[in-house]
Each structure stands twice: as C-alpha cells, then as structure tokens.
PDB file of N, CA and C in Angstrom:
ATOM      1  N   MET A   1     -31.575  13.760 -22.987  1.00  0.00           N
ATOM      2  CA  MET A   1     -31.311  12.923 -21.829  1.00  0.00           C
ATOM      3  C   MET A   1     -30.084  12.041 -22.261  1.00  0.00           C
ATOM      4  N   TYR A   2     -30.064  11.428 -23.355  1.00  0.00           N
ATOM      5  CA  TYR A   2     -29.011  10.415 -23.740  1.00  0.00           C
ATOM      6  C   TYR A   2     -27.713  11.223 -23.934  1.00  0.00           C
ATOM      7  N   ASP A   3     -27.718  12.454 -24.558  1.00  0.00           N
ATOM      8  CA  ASP A   3     -26.566  13.251 -24.691  1.00  0.00           C
ATOM      9  C   ASP A   3     -25.988  13.660 -23.236  1.00  0.00           C
ATOM     10  N   ARG A   4     -26.848  13.967 -22.359  1.00  0.00           N
ATOM     11  CA  ARG A   4     -26.459  14.322 -20.986  1.00  0.00           C
ATOM     12  C   ARG A   4     -25.680  13.111 -20.362  1.00  0.00           C
ATOM     13  N   LYS A   5     -26.218  11.903 -20.625  1.00  0.00           N
ATOM     14  CA  LYS A   5     -25.597  10.706 -20.012  1.00  0.00           C
ATOM     15  C   LYS A   5     -24.137  10.580 -20.632  1.00  0.00           C
ATOM     16  N   ILE A   6     -24.053  10.661 -21.896  1.00  0.00           N
ATOM     17  CA  ILE A   6     -22.759  10.533 -22.660  1.00  0.00           C
ATOM     18  C   ILE A   6     -21.807  11.606 -22.085  1.00  0.00           C
ATOM     19  N   LYS A   7     -22.280  12.775 -21.858  1.00  0.00           N
ATOM     20  CA  LYS A   7     -21.449  13.840 -21.318  1.00  0.00           C
ATOM     21  C   LYS A   7     -20.952  13.512 -19.940  1.00  0.00           C
ATOM     22  N   ASN A   8     -21.796  12.980 -19.123  1.00  0.00           N
ATOM     23  CA  ASN A   8     -21.485  12.547 -17.768  1.00  0.00           C
ATOM     24  C   ASN A   8     -20.428  11.439 -17.798  1.00  0.00           C
ATOM     25  N   TYR A   9     -20.618  10.562 -18.651  1.00  0.00           N
ATOM     26  CA  TYR A   9     -19.485   9.471 -18.816  1.00  0.00           C
ATOM     27  C   TYR A   9     -18.161  10.174 -19.250  1.00  0.00           C
ATOM     28  N   SER A  10     -18.235  11.002 -20.131  1.00  0.00           N
ATOM     29  CA  SER A  10     -17.023  11.671 -20.641  1.00  0.00           C
ATOM     30  C   SER A  10     -16.310  12.389 -19.486  1.00  0.00           C
ATOM     31  N   ASN A  11     -17.116  13.101 -18.756  1.00  0.00           N
ATOM     32  CA  ASN A  11     -16.485  13.748 -17.551  1.00  0.00           C
ATOM     33  C   ASN A  11     -15.961  12.843 -16.504  1.00  0.00           C
ATOM     34  N   PHE A  12     -16.608  11.719 -16.387  1.00  0.00           N
ATOM     35  CA  PHE A  12     -16.145  10.752 -15.390  1.00  0.00           C
ATOM     36  C   PHE A  12     -14.701  10.237 -15.730  1.00  0.00           C
ATOM     37  N   PHE A  13     -14.587   9.914 -17.050  1.00  0.00           N
ATOM     38  CA  PHE A  13     -13.380   9.362 -17.517  1.00  0.00           C
ATOM     39  C   PHE A  13     -12.295  10.479 -17.604  1.00  0.00           C
ATOM     40  N   LYS A  14     -12.625  11.701 -17.657  1.00  0.00           N
ATOM     41  CA  LYS A  14     -11.655  12.809 -17.673  1.00  0.00           C
ATOM     42  C   LYS A  14     -11.143  12.867 -16.175  1.00  0.00           C
ATOM     43  N   VAL A  15     -11.940  12.725 -15.229  1.00  0.00           N
ATOM     44  CA  VAL A  15     -11.462  12.683 -13.827  1.00  0.00           C
ATOM     45  C   VAL A  15     -10.578  11.618 -13.614  1.00  0.00           C
ATOM     46  N   LEU A  16     -10.796  10.508 -14.216  1.00  0.00           N
ATOM     47  CA  LEU A  16      -9.939   9.308 -14.077  1.00  0.00           C
ATOM     48  C   LEU A  16      -8.640   9.345 -14.914  1.00  0.00           C
ATOM     49  N   SER A  17      -8.541  10.351 -15.799  1.00  0.00           N
ATOM     50  CA  SER A  17      -7.442  10.416 -16.681  1.00  0.00           C
ATOM     51  C   SER A  17      -6.165  11.139 -16.108  1.00  0.00           C
ATOM     52  N   ASN A  18      -6.202  11.294 -14.834  1.00  0.00           N
ATOM     53  CA  ASN A  18      -5.093  11.992 -14.155  1.00  0.00           C
ATOM     54  C   ASN A  18      -4.228  10.959 -13.338  1.00  0.00           C
ATOM     55  N   ASP A  19      -2.918  10.936 -13.559  1.00  0.00           N
ATOM     56  CA  ASP A  19      -1.962   9.941 -12.909  1.00  0.00           C
ATOM     57  C   ASP A  19      -2.151   9.939 -11.352  1.00  0.00           C
ATOM     58  N   VAL A  20      -2.197  11.238 -10.790  1.00  0.00           N
ATOM     59  CA  VAL A  20      -2.267  11.292  -9.298  1.00  0.00           C
ATOM     60  C   VAL A  20      -3.660  10.694  -8.734  1.00  0.00           C
ATOM     61  N   ARG A  21      -4.714  10.812  -9.554  1.00  0.00           N
ATOM     62  CA  ARG A  21      -5.958  10.332  -9.014  1.00  0.00           C
ATOM     63  C   ARG A  21      -5.919   8.784  -9.200  1.00  0.00           C
ATOM     64  N   ILE A  22      -5.414   8.284 -10.208  1.00  0.00           N
ATOM     65  CA  ILE A  22      -5.223   6.832 -10.345  1.00  0.00           C
ATOM     66  C   ILE A  22      -4.394   6.271  -9.179  1.00  0.00           C
ATOM     67  N   LYS A  23      -3.339   6.936  -8.879  1.00  0.00           N
ATOM     68  CA  LYS A  23      -2.547   6.590  -7.676  1.00  0.00           C
ATOM     69  C   LYS A  23      -3.363   6.500  -6.341  1.00  0.00           C
ATOM     70  N   ILE A  24      -4.217   7.633  -6.191  1.00  0.00           N
ATOM     71  CA  ILE A  24      -5.035   7.648  -5.017  1.00  0.00           C
ATOM     72  C   ILE A  24      -5.934   6.392  -5.119  1.00  0.00           C
ATOM     73  N   LEU A  25      -6.536   6.102  -6.209  1.00  0.00           N
ATOM     74  CA  LEU A  25      -7.412   4.894  -6.286  1.00  0.00           C
ATOM     75  C   LEU A  25      -6.739   3.560  -5.971  1.00  0.00           C
ATOM     76  N   PHE A  26      -5.506   3.449  -6.443  1.00  0.00           N
ATOM     77  CA  PHE A  26      -4.706   2.277  -6.178  1.00  0.00           C
ATOM     78  C   PHE A  26      -4.520   2.176  -4.735  1.00  0.00           C
ATOM     79  N   GLU A  27      -4.124   3.274  -4.036  1.00  0.00           N
ATOM     80  CA  GLU A  27      -3.918   3.256  -2.536  1.00  0.00           C
ATOM     81  C   GLU A  27      -5.237   2.756  -1.887  1.00  0.00           C
ATOM     82  N   LEU A  28      -6.404   3.387  -2.341  1.00  0.00           N
ATOM     83  CA  LEU A  28      -7.570   3.062  -1.675  1.00  0.00           C
ATOM     84  C   LEU A  28      -8.235   1.741  -2.055  1.00  0.00           C
ATOM     85  N   ALA A  29      -7.643   1.017  -3.150  1.00  0.00           N
ATOM     86  CA  ALA A  29      -8.195  -0.345  -3.460  1.00  0.00           C
ATOM     87  C   ALA A  29      -7.859  -1.292  -2.449  1.00  0.00           C
ATOM     88  N   PHE A  30      -6.769  -1.108  -1.681  1.00  0.00           N
ATOM     89  CA  PHE A  30      -6.344  -1.924  -0.597  1.00  0.00           C
ATOM     90  C   PHE A  30      -6.935  -1.793   0.712  1.00  0.00           C
ATOM     91  N   SER A  31      -7.143  -0.536   1.082  1.00  0.00           N
ATOM     92  CA  SER A  31      -7.807  -0.089   2.289  1.00  0.00           C
ATOM     93  C   SER A  31      -7.982   1.371   2.357  1.00  0.00           C
ATOM     94  N   ASN A  32      -8.909   1.779   3.239  1.00  0.00           N
ATOM     95  CA  ASN A  32      -9.115   3.096   3.412  1.00  0.00           C
ATOM     96  C   ASN A  32      -7.969   3.858   3.950  1.00  0.00           C
ATOM     97  N   LYS A  33      -7.675   5.048   3.511  1.00  0.00           N
ATOM     98  CA  LYS A  33      -6.388   5.798   3.824  1.00  0.00           C
ATOM     99  C   LYS A  33      -6.778   7.247   4.461  1.00  0.00           C
ATOM    100  N   ASN A  34      -6.083   7.693   5.438  1.00  0.00           N
ATOM    101  CA  ASN A  34      -6.247   9.032   5.892  1.00  0.00           C
ATOM    102  C   ASN A  34      -5.442   9.984   5.003  1.00  0.00           C
ATOM    103  N   TYR A  35      -5.714  11.275   5.133  1.00  0.00           N
ATOM    104  CA  TYR A  35      -5.070  12.270   4.246  1.00  0.00           C
ATOM    105  C   TYR A  35      -3.601  12.360   4.471  1.00  0.00           C
ATOM    106  N   THR A  36      -3.195  12.213   5.802  1.00  0.00           N
ATOM    107  CA  THR A  36      -1.778  12.282   6.045  1.00  0.00           C
ATOM    108  C   THR A  36      -0.957  11.198   5.290  1.00  0.00           C
ATOM    109  N   TYR A  37      -1.525   9.988   5.406  1.00  0.00           N
ATOM    110  CA  TYR A  37      -0.887   8.855   4.692  1.00  0.00           C
ATOM    111  C   TYR A  37      -0.783   9.093   3.170  1.00  0.00           C
ATOM    112  N   LEU A  38      -1.823   9.589   2.549  1.00  0.00           N
ATOM    113  CA  LEU A  38      -1.870   9.712   1.200  1.00  0.00           C
ATOM    114  C   LEU A  38      -0.894  10.908   0.791  1.00  0.00           C
ATOM    115  N   MET A  39      -0.873  12.047   1.476  1.00  0.00           N
ATOM    116  CA  MET A  39       0.130  13.082   1.276  1.00  0.00           C
ATOM    117  C   MET A  39       1.503  12.581   1.369  1.00  0.00           C
ATOM    118  N   GLU A  40       1.876  11.844   2.238  1.00  0.00           N
ATOM    119  CA  GLU A  40       3.222  11.281   2.382  1.00  0.00           C
ATOM    120  C   GLU A  40       3.598  10.293   1.401  1.00  0.00           C
ATOM    121  N   LYS A  41       2.714   9.313   1.095  1.00  0.00           N
ATOM    122  CA  LYS A  41       2.894   8.297   0.220  1.00  0.00           C
ATOM    123  C   LYS A  41       3.081   8.805  -1.165  1.00  0.00           C
ATOM    124  N   LEU A  42       2.237   9.763  -1.582  1.00  0.00           N
ATOM    125  CA  LEU A  42       2.237  10.333  -2.895  1.00  0.00           C
ATOM    126  C   LEU A  42       3.081  11.604  -3.113  1.00  0.00           C
ATOM    127  N   ASP A  43       3.596  12.055  -1.987  1.00  0.00           N
ATOM    128  CA  ASP A  43       4.426  13.223  -1.966  1.00  0.00           C
ATOM    129  C   ASP A  43       3.703  14.447  -2.516  1.00  0.00           C
ATOM    130  N   LEU A  44       2.504  14.724  -1.820  1.00  0.00           N
ATOM    131  CA  LEU A  44       1.615  15.759  -2.273  1.00  0.00           C
ATOM    132  C   LEU A  44       1.397  16.731  -1.121  1.00  0.00           C
ATOM    133  N   LYS A  45       1.300  17.991  -1.455  1.00  0.00           N
ATOM    134  CA  LYS A  45       0.931  19.026  -0.550  1.00  0.00           C
ATOM    135  C   LYS A  45      -0.576  18.830  -0.155  1.00  0.00           C
ATOM    136  N   GLN A  46      -0.999  19.321   1.064  1.00  0.00           N
ATOM    137  CA  GLN A  46      -2.371  19.115   1.494  1.00  0.00           C
ATOM    138  C   GLN A  46      -3.341  19.729   0.468  1.00  0.00           C
ATOM    139  N   SER A  47      -3.071  20.870   0.010  1.00  0.00           N
ATOM    140  CA  SER A  47      -4.009  21.603  -0.971  1.00  0.00           C
ATOM    141  C   SER A  47      -4.091  20.843  -2.259  1.00  0.00           C
ATOM    142  N   THR A  48      -3.031  20.254  -2.710  1.00  0.00           N
ATOM    143  CA  THR A  48      -2.970  19.451  -3.984  1.00  0.00           C
ATOM    144  C   THR A  48      -3.858  18.034  -3.801  1.00  0.00           C
ATOM    145  N   LEU A  49      -3.603  17.569  -2.678  1.00  0.00           N
ATOM    146  CA  LEU A  49      -4.455  16.290  -2.351  1.00  0.00           C
ATOM    147  C   LEU A  49      -5.916  16.624  -2.323  1.00  0.00           C
ATOM    148  N   SER A  50      -6.174  17.738  -1.627  1.00  0.00           N
ATOM    149  CA  SER A  50      -7.608  18.049  -1.473  1.00  0.00           C
ATOM    150  C   SER A  50      -8.315  18.327  -2.812  1.00  0.00           C
ATOM    151  N   ASN A  51      -7.562  18.963  -3.679  1.00  0.00           N
ATOM    152  CA  ASN A  51      -8.109  19.213  -5.015  1.00  0.00           C
ATOM    153  C   ASN A  51      -8.420  17.906  -5.759  1.00  0.00           C
ATOM    154  N   HIS A  52      -7.529  16.960  -5.627  1.00  0.00           N
ATOM    155  CA  HIS A  52      -7.713  15.691  -6.333  1.00  0.00           C
ATOM    156  C   HIS A  52      -8.863  14.879  -5.692  1.00  0.00           C
ATOM    157  N   ILE A  53      -8.917  14.941  -4.335  1.00  0.00           N
ATOM    158  CA  ILE A  53      -9.982  14.194  -3.654  1.00  0.00           C
ATOM    159  C   ILE A  53     -11.291  14.848  -3.959  1.00  0.00           C
ATOM    160  N   SER A  54     -11.384  16.157  -4.150  1.00  0.00           N
ATOM    161  CA  SER A  54     -12.576  16.852  -4.450  1.00  0.00           C
ATOM    162  C   SER A  54     -13.140  16.389  -5.864  1.00  0.00           C
ATOM    163  N   LYS A  55     -12.216  16.352  -6.820  1.00  0.00           N
ATOM    164  CA  LYS A  55     -12.724  15.843  -8.107  1.00  0.00           C
ATOM    165  C   LYS A  55     -13.190  14.373  -8.082  1.00  0.00           C
ATOM    166  N   LEU A  56     -12.520  13.501  -7.286  1.00  0.00           N
ATOM    167  CA  LEU A  56     -13.009  12.132  -7.241  1.00  0.00           C
ATOM    168  C   LEU A  56     -14.328  12.040  -6.400  1.00  0.00           C
ATOM    169  N   ARG A  57     -14.441  12.908  -5.469  1.00  0.00           N
ATOM    170  CA  ARG A  57     -15.756  12.912  -4.659  1.00  0.00           C
ATOM    171  C   ARG A  57     -16.915  13.448  -5.489  1.00  0.00           C
ATOM    172  N   GLU A  58     -16.670  14.341  -6.345  1.00  0.00           N
ATOM    173  CA  GLU A  58     -17.694  14.890  -7.237  1.00  0.00           C
ATOM    174  C   GLU A  58     -18.454  13.855  -8.022  1.00  0.00           C
ATOM    175  N   TYR A  59     -17.752  12.861  -8.488  1.00  0.00           N
ATOM    176  CA  TYR A  59     -18.512  11.728  -9.151  1.00  0.00           C
ATOM    177  C   TYR A  59     -18.704  10.621  -8.187  1.00  0.00           C
ATOM    178  N   GLY A  60     -18.527  10.652  -6.967  1.00  0.00           N
ATOM    179  CA  GLY A  60     -18.759   9.648  -6.082  1.00  0.00           C
ATOM    180  C   GLY A  60     -17.931   8.522  -6.166  1.00  0.00           C
ATOM    181  N   ILE A  61     -16.796   8.689  -6.814  1.00  0.00           N
ATOM    182  CA  ILE A  61     -15.726   7.653  -6.892  1.00  0.00           C
ATOM    183  C   ILE A  61     -15.146   7.301  -5.534  1.00  0.00           C
ATOM    184  N   ILE A  62     -15.021   8.295  -4.707  1.00  0.00           N
ATOM    185  CA  ILE A  62     -14.525   8.069  -3.377  1.00  0.00           C
ATOM    186  C   ILE A  62     -15.445   8.869  -2.496  1.00  0.00           C
ATOM    187  N   TYR A  63     -15.407   8.616  -1.263  1.00  0.00           N
ATOM    188  CA  TYR A  63     -16.177   9.414  -0.163  1.00  0.00           C
ATOM    189  C   TYR A  63     -15.201   9.438   1.015  1.00  0.00           C
ATOM    190  N   THR A  64     -15.417  10.484   1.811  1.00  0.00           N
ATOM    191  CA  THR A  64     -14.666  10.750   2.951  1.00  0.00           C
ATOM    192  C   THR A  64     -15.510  10.853   4.223  1.00  0.00           C
ATOM    193  N   LEU A  65     -14.798  10.440   5.331  1.00  0.00           N
ATOM    194  CA  LEU A  65     -15.539  10.567   6.633  1.00  0.00           C
ATOM    195  C   LEU A  65     -14.511  10.619   7.702  1.00  0.00           C
ATOM    196  N   LYS A  66     -14.891  11.271   8.782  1.00  0.00           N
ATOM    197  CA  LYS A  66     -13.977  11.355   9.961  1.00  0.00           C
ATOM    198  C   LYS A  66     -14.098  10.167  10.768  1.00  0.00           C
ATOM    199  N   LYS A  67     -12.884   9.601  11.079  1.00  0.00           N
ATOM    200  CA  LYS A  67     -12.848   8.449  11.983  1.00  0.00           C
ATOM    201  C   LYS A  67     -11.871   8.743  13.073  1.00  0.00           C
ATOM    202  N   ASN A  68     -12.336   8.808  14.335  1.00  0.00           N
ATOM    203  CA  ASN A  68     -11.605   9.252  15.469  1.00  0.00           C
ATOM    204  C   ASN A  68     -10.981  10.602  15.288  1.00  0.00           C
ATOM    205  N   GLY A  69     -11.768  11.498  14.644  1.00  0.00           N
ATOM    206  CA  GLY A  69     -11.227  12.876  14.415  1.00  0.00           C
ATOM    207  C   GLY A  69     -10.327  13.041  13.121  1.00  0.00           C
ATOM    208  N   ILE A  70      -9.999  11.910  12.467  1.00  0.00           N
ATOM    209  CA  ILE A  70      -9.099  11.993  11.335  1.00  0.00           C
ATOM    210  C   ILE A  70      -9.813  11.689  10.058  1.00  0.00           C
ATOM    211  N   LEU A  71      -9.639  12.596   9.076  1.00  0.00           N
ATOM    212  CA  LEU A  71     -10.296  12.496   7.754  1.00  0.00           C
ATOM    213  C   LEU A  71      -9.815  11.330   7.001  1.00  0.00           C
ATOM    214  N   GLU A  72     -10.656  10.582   6.536  1.00  0.00           N
ATOM    215  CA  GLU A  72     -10.247   9.251   5.827  1.00  0.00           C
ATOM    216  C   GLU A  72     -10.941   9.258   4.532  1.00  0.00           C
ATOM    217  N   ALA A  73     -10.265   8.751   3.463  1.00  0.00           N
ATOM    218  CA  ALA A  73     -10.783   8.540   2.126  1.00  0.00           C
ATOM    219  C   ALA A  73     -11.212   7.066   1.945  1.00  0.00           C
ATOM    220  N   ARG A  74     -12.279   6.873   1.282  1.00  0.00           N
ATOM    221  CA  ARG A  74     -12.660   5.425   1.002  1.00  0.00           C
ATOM    222  C   ARG A  74     -13.206   5.380  -0.390  1.00  0.00           C
ATOM    223  N   LEU A  75     -12.734   4.249  -0.965  1.00  0.00           N
ATOM    224  CA  LEU A  75     -13.200   3.941  -2.337  1.00  0.00           C
ATOM    225  C   LEU A  75     -14.680   3.521  -2.389  1.00  0.00           C
ATOM    226  N   ASN A  76     -15.421   3.995  -3.256  1.00  0.00           N
ATOM    227  CA  ASN A  76     -16.857   3.790  -3.550  1.00  0.00           C
ATOM    228  C   ASN A  76     -16.852   2.726  -4.639  1.00  0.00           C
ATOM    229  N   ARG A  77     -16.674   1.436  -4.363  1.00  0.00           N
ATOM    230  CA  ARG A  77     -16.736   0.365  -5.295  1.00  0.00           C
ATOM    231  C   ARG A  77     -18.000   0.273  -6.051  1.00  0.00           C
ATOM    232  N   LYS A  78     -19.020   0.507  -5.433  1.00  0.00           N
ATOM    233  CA  LYS A  78     -20.437   0.456  -6.022  1.00  0.00           C
ATOM    234  C   LYS A  78     -20.471   1.436  -7.307  1.00  0.00           C
ATOM    235  N   VAL A  79     -20.053   2.664  -7.091  1.00  0.00           N
ATOM    236  CA  VAL A  79     -20.141   3.744  -8.127  1.00  0.00           C
ATOM    237  C   VAL A  79     -19.146   3.259  -9.262  1.00  0.00           C
ATOM    238  N   LEU A  80     -17.905   2.906  -9.008  1.00  0.00           N
ATOM    239  CA  LEU A  80     -16.981   2.476  -9.975  1.00  0.00           C
ATOM    240  C   LEU A  80     -17.435   1.210 -10.794  1.00  0.00           C
ATOM    241  N   SER A  81     -18.162   0.339 -10.119  1.00  0.00           N
ATOM    242  CA  SER A  81     -18.780  -0.764 -10.752  1.00  0.00           C
ATOM    243  C   SER A  81     -19.823  -0.352 -11.702  1.00  0.00           C
ATOM    244  N   GLU A  82     -20.750   0.506 -11.251  1.00  0.00           N
ATOM    245  CA  GLU A  82     -21.805   0.994 -12.098  1.00  0.00           C
ATOM    246  C   GLU A  82     -21.289   1.692 -13.316  1.00  0.00           C
ATOM    247  N   TYR A  83     -20.257   2.486 -13.091  1.00  0.00           N
ATOM    248  CA  TYR A  83     -19.748   3.294 -14.274  1.00  0.00           C
ATOM    249  C   TYR A  83     -18.957   2.444 -15.339  1.00  0.00           C
ATOM    250  N   LEU A  84     -18.132   1.521 -14.628  1.00  0.00           N
ATOM    251  CA  LEU A  84     -17.216   0.804 -15.553  1.00  0.00           C
ATOM    252  C   LEU A  84     -17.735  -0.512 -16.149  1.00  0.00           C
ATOM    253  N   CYS A  85     -18.843  -1.007 -15.452  1.00  0.00           N
ATOM    254  CA  CYS A  85     -19.149  -2.431 -15.900  1.00  0.00           C
ATOM    255  C   CYS A  85     -20.603  -2.449 -16.291  1.00  0.00           C
ATOM    256  N   GLU A  86     -21.458  -2.102 -15.213  1.00  0.00           N
ATOM    257  CA  GLU A  86     -22.904  -2.343 -15.408  1.00  0.00           C
ATOM    258  C   GLU A  86     -23.539  -1.464 -16.439  1.00  0.00           C
ATOM    259  N   GLU A  87     -23.079  -0.228 -16.535  1.00  0.00           N
ATOM    260  CA  GLU A  87     -23.792   0.735 -17.429  1.00  0.00           C
ATOM    261  C   GLU A  87     -23.136   0.637 -18.959  1.00  0.00           C
ATOM    262  N   ILE A  88     -21.971   1.028 -19.050  1.00  0.00           N
ATOM    263  CA  ILE A  88     -21.561   1.230 -20.479  1.00  0.00           C
ATOM    264  C   ILE A  88     -21.116  -0.076 -21.117  1.00  0.00           C
ATOM    265  N   PHE A  89     -20.747  -1.088 -20.364  1.00  0.00           N
ATOM    266  CA  PHE A  89     -20.340  -2.254 -21.111  1.00  0.00           C
ATOM    267  C   PHE A  89     -21.361  -3.352 -21.051  1.00  0.00           C
ATOM    268  N   ASN A  90     -22.626  -3.073 -20.685  1.00  0.00           N
ATOM    269  CA  ASN A  90     -23.737  -3.932 -20.709  1.00  0.00           C
ATOM    270  C   ASN A  90     -24.701  -3.574 -21.918  1.00  0.00           C
ATOM    271  N   PRO A  91     -24.675  -4.464 -22.932  1.00  0.00           N
ATOM    272  CA  PRO A  91     -25.375  -4.078 -24.025  1.00  0.00           C
ATOM    273  C   PRO A  91     -26.904  -4.094 -23.783  1.00  0.00           C
ATOM    274  N   HIS A  92     -27.400  -4.638 -22.736  1.00  0.00           N
ATOM    275  CA  HIS A  92     -28.792  -4.711 -22.430  1.00  0.00           C
ATOM    276  C   HIS A  92     -29.232  -3.263 -21.886  1.00  0.00           C
ATOM    277  N   LYS A  93     -28.324  -2.445 -21.486  1.00  0.00           N
ATOM    278  CA  LYS A  93     -28.597  -1.234 -20.918  1.00  0.00           C
ATOM    279  C   LYS A  93     -28.540  -0.148 -21.986  1.00  0.00           C
ATOM    280  N   LEU A  94     -27.927  -0.361 -23.029  1.00  0.00           N
ATOM    281  CA  LEU A  94     -27.847   0.517 -24.119  1.00  0.00           C
ATOM    282  C   LEU A  94     -29.018   0.498 -24.977  1.00  0.00           C
ATOM    283  N   SER A  95     -29.625   1.683 -25.263  1.00  0.00           N
ATOM    284  CA  SER A  95     -30.724   1.755 -26.064  1.00  0.00           C
ATOM    285  C   SER A  95     -30.457   1.885 -27.575  1.00  0.00           C
ATOM    286  N   VAL A  96     -30.874   1.052 -28.375  1.00  0.00           N
ATOM    287  CA  VAL A  96     -30.618   1.160 -29.799  1.00  0.00           C
ATOM    288  C   VAL A  96     -31.341   2.383 -30.341  1.00  0.00           C
ATOM    289  N   GLU A  97     -32.469   2.789 -29.783  1.00  0.00           N
ATOM    290  CA  GLU A  97     -33.129   3.885 -30.228  1.00  0.00           C
ATOM    291  C   GLU A  97     -32.322   5.207 -30.143  1.00  0.00           C
ATOM    292  N   ASN A  98     -31.503   5.269 -29.137  1.00  0.00           N
ATOM    293  CA  ASN A  98     -30.707   6.455 -28.875  1.00  0.00           C
ATOM    294  C   ASN A  98     -29.334   6.496 -29.449  1.00  0.00           C
ATOM    295  N   TYR A  99     -28.886   5.418 -29.867  1.00  0.00           N
ATOM    296  CA  TYR A  99     -27.503   5.331 -30.382  1.00  0.00           C
ATOM    297  C   TYR A  99     -27.332   4.322 -31.390  1.00  0.00           C
ATOM    298  N   GLU A 100     -26.789   4.673 -32.568  1.00  0.00           N
ATOM    299  CA  GLU A 100     -26.580   3.797 -33.695  1.00  0.00           C
ATOM    300  C   GLU A 100     -25.096   3.485 -33.772  1.00  0.00           C
ATOM    301  N   LEU A 101     -24.775   2.228 -33.614  1.00  0.00           N
ATOM    302  CA  LEU A 101     -23.449   1.736 -33.507  1.00  0.00           C
ATOM    303  C   LEU A 101     -22.712   1.990 -34.741  1.00  0.00           C
ATOM    304  N   ASP A 102     -23.343   2.055 -35.942  1.00  0.00           N
ATOM    305  CA  ASP A 102     -22.558   2.202 -37.256  1.00  0.00           C
ATOM    306  C   ASP A 102     -22.167   3.635 -37.334  1.00  0.00           C
ATOM    307  N   LYS A 103     -22.516   4.504 -36.490  1.00  0.00           N
ATOM    308  CA  LYS A 103     -22.010   5.951 -36.505  1.00  0.00           C
ATOM    309  C   LYS A 103     -20.733   6.187 -35.758  1.00  0.00           C
ATOM    310  N   VAL A 104     -20.258   5.103 -35.142  1.00  0.00           N
ATOM    311  CA  VAL A 104     -19.119   5.189 -34.327  1.00  0.00           C
ATOM    312  C   VAL A 104     -17.858   5.153 -35.245  1.00  0.00           C
TER     313      VAL A 104
END
C-alpha cells in the first residue's frame, strides 16, 4: 500500500514536470479557459493540447466540461492542494511505521 502511494506521487510529479503542462496550469490559475484560447496562447496544435490535457486529467489536476457547447478546462485546486500540501508535506499524515527518514 505504501509503495503504491509513493509510486502515485512519483507519477503525479512526472506529469507536472513538463513545461507545456505547467504553462497550462498557469493559464488556468487565473480563470477557466477553452481549448481554442489555450491552443492560440500556447501555440499548440489541437492534438498536442489534447494529449497534455489528458495527462493532467488522468491525475485529476484539471477537469473539463462543455459550457455553451465549448470545451473548457478548469483547474482542480482541491486535488492540487491535497497532493502538494495536505498529504506529502504534512508530517501528521506520514506513517513512521511505513517510512524511516534516516533511509533518505
């Protein structure tokens, strides 16, 4: 169980380690954006944007929905907060039984 959680965090940070995905998150930090806006702003082809959006959606970092027939991407602040703050940086959530800090 613990190893699976570590692997999940590792994969989460791999998803975030891409410049284009970080740019997408920066754009979404200010407001929800439709795909056309993101393609133009980031100079991406539709297929390239879709691939990056798919990776971010896989971990729940963003979600998409249609608004007035237009596909829109939205930042999932709750998931980001859980991954980045509440879980890994909260010592009360780390189990000493499962992880020995002196092995790091």
